[in-house]
C-alpha cells in the first residue's frame, strides 16, 4: 500500500474554515496523530496563528509550537503533518515551503482558498505528492 495521510471529513472542514477565516493571510496548524506502518493517521488538529500576518508565508510562534508539542506529548501523539493555506494560489509548495519541508520531514497539507482543494506533499530531495485520504 502506498503511504498516505489519513484525515477525517470533520478535520478537513475545520482546516478549511480556519483557512477562510484567516484570509487574505495564510493559516497554519499542526496535525497530531499516529505514524503507522503505511500511513500517518491524523487524530487531532492543533490550530495556530500565523504571526507573519502574510498572504504568502506563515510562521507559528515558538510559544505555540512549545504548547502544541507539550499537548501532543501529554496525549501520547506524534506530529504527523504541517498544515497551511494558500489564499490566492494553487495547493503546491512554494520555494519557502520547500525550504521548511526539508527540516520538517512529515507530510505537508496545503489548502488552496482559490480552488478549495487540499493536497499533501513530502520533501525527499524534491517535492513528492503524497496521498491525502479523507475518511
C-alpha atoms as a PDB file:
ATOM      1  CA  UNK A   1       0.000   0.000   0.000  1.00  0.00           C
ATOM      2  CA  UNK A   2       1.216   3.481  -0.868  1.00  0.00           C
ATOM      3  CA  UNK A   3       1.903   5.769   2.092  1.00  0.00           C
ATOM      4  CA  UNK A   4      -0.896   8.201   2.873  1.00  0.00           C
ATOM      5  CA  UNK A   5      -2.046  10.760   5.389  1.00  0.00           C
ATOM      6  CA  UNK A   6      -5.488   9.835   6.710  1.00  0.00           C
ATOM      7  CA  UNK A   7      -7.708  12.681   7.855  1.00  0.00           C
ATOM      8  CA  UNK A   8     -11.389  12.900   8.773  1.00  0.00           C
ATOM      9  CA  UNK A   9     -14.020  14.959   6.984  1.00  0.00           C
ATOM     10  CA  UNK A  10     -14.564  16.948  10.222  1.00  0.00           C
ATOM     11  CA  UNK A  11     -10.846  17.767  10.375  1.00  0.00           C
ATOM     12  CA  UNK A  12     -10.891  18.846   6.710  1.00  0.00           C
ATOM     13  CA  UNK A  13     -13.885  21.081   7.435  1.00  0.00           C
ATOM     14  CA  UNK A  14     -12.122  22.604  10.457  1.00  0.00           C
ATOM     15  CA  UNK A  15      -8.967  23.342   8.423  1.00  0.00           C
ATOM     16  CA  UNK A  16     -10.982  24.803   5.542  1.00  0.00           C
ATOM     17  CA  UNK A  17     -12.871  27.070   7.955  1.00  0.00           C
ATOM     18  CA  UNK A  18      -9.595  28.124   9.627  1.00  0.00           C
ATOM     19  CA  UNK A  19      -8.128  28.999   6.200  1.00  0.00           C
ATOM     20  CA  UNK A  20     -11.150  31.036   5.158  1.00  0.00           C
ATOM     21  CA  UNK A  21     -11.238  32.933   8.466  1.00  0.00           C
ATOM     22  CA  UNK A  22      -7.529  33.817   8.163  1.00  0.00           C
ATOM     23  CA  UNK A  23      -7.880  35.048   4.566  1.00  0.00           C
ATOM     24  CA  UNK A  24      -6.378  37.101   2.991  1.00  0.00           C
ATOM     25  CA  UNK A  25      -3.461  35.719   5.044  1.00  0.00           C
ATOM     26  CA  UNK A  26      -2.168  32.168   5.207  1.00  0.00           C
ATOM     27  CA  UNK A  27      -3.470  29.994   8.043  1.00  0.00           C
ATOM     28  CA  UNK A  28      -1.497  27.241   9.744  1.00  0.00           C
ATOM     29  CA  UNK A  29      -1.890  24.264  12.066  1.00  0.00           C
ATOM     30  CA  UNK A  30      -0.065  21.244  13.401  1.00  0.00           C
ATOM     31  CA  UNK A  31      -1.559  17.810  12.781  1.00  0.00           C
ATOM     32  CA  UNK A  32      -1.252  15.304  15.631  1.00  0.00           C
ATOM     33  CA  UNK A  33      -1.786  11.593  15.384  1.00  0.00           C
ATOM     34  CA  UNK A  34      -0.031   8.284  14.977  1.00  0.00           C
ATOM     35  CA  UNK A  35       2.597   7.220  12.488  1.00  0.00           C
ATOM     36  CA  UNK A  36       1.738   3.694  11.444  1.00  0.00           C
ATOM     37  CA  UNK A  37       3.458   1.327   9.032  1.00  0.00           C
ATOM     38  CA  UNK A  38       1.892   2.586   5.822  1.00  0.00           C
ATOM     39  CA  UNK A  39       0.223   5.850   6.824  1.00  0.00           C
ATOM     40  CA  UNK A  40       0.045   8.911   9.028  1.00  0.00           C
ATOM     41  CA  UNK A  41      -3.309   8.984  10.857  1.00  0.00           C
ATOM     42  CA  UNK A  42      -4.481  12.443  11.983  1.00  0.00           C
ATOM     43  CA  UNK A  43      -6.160  12.226  15.386  1.00  0.00           C
ATOM     44  CA  UNK A  44      -6.284  15.943  16.238  1.00  0.00           C
ATOM     45  CA  UNK A  45      -5.768  19.350  14.675  1.00  0.00           C
ATOM     46  CA  UNK A  46      -3.906  22.000  16.670  1.00  0.00           C
ATOM     47  CA  UNK A  47      -4.907  25.332  15.099  1.00  0.00           C
ATOM     48  CA  UNK A  48      -2.236  28.018  15.295  1.00  0.00           C
ATOM     49  CA  UNK A  49      -1.920  31.684  14.434  1.00  0.00           C
ATOM     50  CA  UNK A  50       0.220  32.904  11.565  1.00  0.00           C
ATOM     51  CA  UNK A  51       2.305  35.553  13.322  1.00  0.00           C
ATOM     52  CA  UNK A  52       3.524  36.807   9.928  1.00  0.00           C
ATOM     53  CA  UNK A  53       0.019  38.045   9.041  1.00  0.00           C
ATOM     54  CA  UNK A  54       1.048  37.431   5.449  1.00  0.00           C
ATOM     55  CA  UNK A  55      -0.742  36.124   2.356  1.00  0.00           C
ATOM     56  CA  UNK A  56       2.448  34.411   1.106  1.00  0.00           C
ATOM     57  CA  UNK A  57       4.211  32.964   4.164  1.00  0.00           C
ATOM     58  CA  UNK A  58       3.468  31.664   7.641  1.00  0.00           C
ATOM     59  CA  UNK A  59       5.242  31.329  10.961  1.00  0.00           C
ATOM     60  CA  UNK A  60       3.992  29.626  14.101  1.00  0.00           C
ATOM     61  CA  UNK A  61       5.253  31.332  17.267  1.00  0.00           C
ATOM     62  CA  UNK A  62       7.723  29.471  19.463  1.00  0.00           C
ATOM     63  CA  UNK A  63       5.217  29.669  22.339  1.00  0.00           C
ATOM     64  CA  UNK A  64       2.521  27.971  20.255  1.00  0.00           C
ATOM     65  CA  UNK A  65       4.980  25.352  18.995  1.00  0.00           C
ATOM     66  CA  UNK A  66       6.023  24.512  22.556  1.00  0.00           C
ATOM     67  CA  UNK A  67       2.386  24.395  23.685  1.00  0.00           C
ATOM     68  CA  UNK A  68       1.492  22.173  20.733  1.00  0.00           C
ATOM     69  CA  UNK A  69       4.324  19.717  21.287  1.00  0.00           C
ATOM     70  CA  UNK A  70       3.530  19.562  25.020  1.00  0.00           C
ATOM     71  CA  UNK A  71      -0.108  18.831  24.233  1.00  0.00           C
ATOM     72  CA  UNK A  72       0.873  16.097  21.753  1.00  0.00           C
ATOM     73  CA  UNK A  73       3.250  14.531  24.291  1.00  0.00           C
ATOM     74  CA  UNK A  74       0.618  14.656  27.038  1.00  0.00           C
ATOM     75  CA  UNK A  75      -1.824  12.838  24.736  1.00  0.00           C
ATOM     76  CA  UNK A  76       0.885  10.428  23.514  1.00  0.00           C
ATOM     77  CA  UNK A  77       0.517  11.617  19.912  1.00  0.00           C
ATOM     78  CA  UNK A  78       3.107  12.416  17.261  1.00  0.00           C
ATOM     79  CA  UNK A  79       3.313  15.344  14.874  1.00  0.00           C
ATOM     80  CA  UNK A  80       2.089  13.703  11.669  1.00  0.00           C
ATOM     81  CA  UNK A  81       1.766  16.774   9.474  1.00  0.00           C
ATOM     82  CA  UNK A  82       2.005  20.502   8.971  1.00  0.00           C
ATOM     83  CA  UNK A  83      -0.960  22.379   7.508  1.00  0.00           C
ATOM     84  CA  UNK A  84      -1.163  25.780   5.905  1.00  0.00           C
ATOM     85  CA  UNK A  85      -3.243  27.558   3.312  1.00  0.00           C
ATOM     86  CA  UNK A  86      -2.508  29.420   0.111  1.00  0.00           C
ATOM     87  CA  UNK A  87      -5.155  32.167  -0.117  1.00  0.00           C
ATOM     88  CA  UNK A  88      -4.551  33.130  -3.756  1.00  0.00           C
ATOM     89  CA  UNK A  89      -2.618  30.281  -5.329  1.00  0.00           C
ATOM     90  CA  UNK A  90      -2.662  26.568  -6.001  1.00  0.00           C
ATOM     91  CA  UNK A  91      -2.121  23.981  -3.249  1.00  0.00           C
ATOM     92  CA  UNK A  92       1.528  23.401  -4.191  1.00  0.00           C
ATOM     93  CA  UNK A  93       4.605  24.093  -2.032  1.00  0.00           C
ATOM     94  CA  UNK A  94       6.260  27.459  -2.603  1.00  0.00           C
ATOM     95  CA  UNK A  95      10.045  27.848  -2.594  1.00  0.00           C
ATOM     96  CA  UNK A  96       9.786  28.971   1.053  1.00  0.00           C
ATOM     97  CA  UNK A  97       7.632  25.931   1.884  1.00  0.00           C
ATOM     98  CA  UNK A  98      10.211  23.635   0.312  1.00  0.00           C
ATOM     99  CA  UNK A  99      12.983  25.055   2.486  1.00  0.00           C
ATOM    100  CA  UNK A 100      10.983  24.351   5.646  1.00  0.00           C
ATOM    101  CA  UNK A 101       9.755  20.977   4.415  1.00  0.00           C
ATOM    102  CA  UNK A 102      13.381  19.806   4.406  1.00  0.00           C
ATOM    103  CA  UNK A 103      13.655  20.382   8.168  1.00  0.00           C
ATOM    104  CA  UNK A 104      10.114  19.183   8.974  1.00  0.00           C
ATOM    105  CA  UNK A 105      10.037  15.743   7.294  1.00  0.00           C
ATOM    106  CA  UNK A 106       6.339  14.989   7.706  1.00  0.00           C
ATOM    107  CA  UNK A 107       3.552  15.365   5.152  1.00  0.00           C
ATOM    108  CA  UNK A 108       2.622  18.972   4.445  1.00  0.00           C
ATOM    109  CA  UNK A 109      -1.066  19.519   3.767  1.00  0.00           C
ATOM    110  CA  UNK A 110      -1.866  22.643   1.768  1.00  0.00           C
ATOM    111  CA  UNK A 111      -5.324  24.101   1.168  1.00  0.00           C
ATOM    112  CA  UNK A 112      -5.939  26.471  -1.735  1.00  0.00           C
ATOM    113  CA  UNK A 113      -8.622  29.019  -0.889  1.00  0.00           C
ATOM    114  CA  UNK A 114      -8.683  29.813  -4.607  1.00  0.00           C
ATOM    115  CA  UNK A 115      -9.572  26.292  -5.795  1.00  0.00           C
ATOM    116  CA  UNK A 116     -10.837  24.911  -2.448  1.00  0.00           C
ATOM    117  CA  UNK A 117      -8.587  21.871  -2.875  1.00  0.00           C
ATOM    118  CA  UNK A 118      -6.426  20.073  -0.336  1.00  0.00           C
ATOM    119  CA  UNK A 119      -3.156  18.486  -1.436  1.00  0.00           C
ATOM    120  CA  UNK A 120      -0.364  16.772   0.522  1.00  0.00           C
ATOM    121  CA  UNK A 121       3.360  16.579  -0.195  1.00  0.00           C
ATOM    122  CA  UNK A 122       6.604  15.377   1.327  1.00  0.00           C
ATOM    123  CA  UNK A 123      10.107  16.547   0.536  1.00  0.00           C
ATOM    124  CA  UNK A 124      12.701  13.871  -0.208  1.00  0.00           C
ATOM    125  CA  UNK A 125      15.344  15.803  -2.170  1.00  0.00           C
ATOM    126  CA  UNK A 126      12.394  17.001  -4.271  1.00  0.00           C
ATOM    127  CA  UNK A 127       8.666  17.637  -3.841  1.00  0.00           C
ATOM    128  CA  UNK A 128       6.702  14.383  -3.905  1.00  0.00           C
ATOM    129  CA  UNK A 129       2.880  14.312  -3.964  1.00  0.00           C
ATOM    130  CA  UNK A 130       1.520  12.352  -1.006  1.00  0.00           C
ATOM    131  CA  UNK A 131      -1.837  10.590  -0.846  1.00  0.00           C
ATOM    132  CA  UNK A 132      -4.389  12.533   1.201  1.00  0.00           C
ATOM    133  CA  UNK A 133      -7.235  10.215   2.178  1.00  0.00           C
ATOM    134  CA  UNK A 134     -10.350  11.797   3.656  1.00  0.00           C
ATOM    135  CA  UNK A 135     -12.173   9.262   5.842  1.00  0.00           C
END
